[in-house]
């Protein structure tokens, strides 16, 4: 990407945001209204990667880049920062977190990366090991990150058996719940415990659930294709038979 490419995109966004001659939709957007689109575009990038569709990945990366430019333009209008500041900030961060590559340090690697990140959090005034885990992350991913942060302080099961036992404990508490609100709370604890167990097994729970979603979707569509228009009218036993066949297929 040349500077002319990015300057063209910046100019397009500036024109779209012009309060007098811009787009009626773009001009009324805020950080809060655009944030869901930013998250959606990141997921569409991941989806293109998972499907191995490079043409789609190119387009989705463009959509994600637009989100960065959009947020940067709104920040510039408010006098906070502009796109060059965003680029400078991430460039500084990457050099700082790779001192063995850019700063002549003798050591580097993932362990040092995590220590540098912790130092950066401290410099920002974060007092808890859990500070800085974004609230906007998907719940499964945020749970895993919170657990990893806690584990770095020594608050962790020594092996998977403790995490597995916690699932049984939380499941019993779900079954003993006395109200819908109580049941929701306990199911949340159960899901958190499952994420913890997955982490102790070396499994990415977000990726595992995506895989389960894809598998369910594939099998359900096979059931629909097998039964045709009669699918909706089948009883549960009929649908279960189709499900078993789809699994075997």
Foldseek 3Di string as FASTA:
>chain_A
DDPVVVVVLLVLLCQQCPPPRHPPVLVPDDCVNCVVVLVVLVVQLVVCVVVVPVVSNVVSVVSNVSSLSSNQVNCVVVVRHHPVVVVVVVVVLVCQQACVVRVVDPDHDDVSSVVVVVVVCVVVVDDDLLPPQDPPDPPLVSLLVSQVSVVVVVPADPALVVLVVQLVVLVVQLVVQDDPVSNVVSVVSNSSSVSRSCVRVVHRVVVVVVVVVVLVVQQVVQLCVVCPPCSVVDDPVSSVVSSVVSVVD
